[in-house]
Amino acid sequence: MKRLYLLRHAKSSPAADFNADHERPLAPRGVAATERLTRYLHAQGTEPNIVLCSSSRRTRETLEGISAGLHGDPELVIDGGLYCASTELLLQRIRRLPDDIESAMVIGHNPGLHDLAVLLGGRDAGAELSVFPTGALVTIDVGDADWGTLGEGTCAIADYVVPKELV
């Protein structure tokens, strides 16, 4: 069964402190959140074949923070096209994944990630994922479908966690 992990970057420093949004680093609270996410990912045996990460500093730092919790040796792809990408752009990128990839993770931004999770999960996902704070991670069961066929309601939400609920 194929799996898709959608991870919103951890808490970043305030925008007012930086000239460019793209260069905002993680805040201390975000660093602490990545530590909790790392332990959770490791305990869950999370083993993506590929990690697609936005090029922003906060998403790259989130990836760096959680890397020790990932099993296996995933291909890491920093993709400028994922920076603040819309739901449609995210879906187009995921649909281009080769079908021999069994598990993929996307690290990005809201509202695109949240809206994508709700779109893929279908009608009931909206209530389950009513909020998608920084550091939120949703695990989506894709089933045996080809990545190229993903669309509205074609998947199931398997898990949803936020860092403040993790120890």
Foldseek 3Di string as FASTA:
>chain_A
DAKEKEWEFFAWDDPVVDPDPLATAHDPRRLLLLQLLLVVLQVVQAEFQAEEEENRRRRVVSCVSNVNSHPDDHHYHHDNCQEVHALVSVLVVQLPDFQVGRYYYYYYHPPNRVVNQDQQAADVVCVVPVDADHGKMWMKAQDNDRSNPGGGNNIHTDDIDHSVVGD
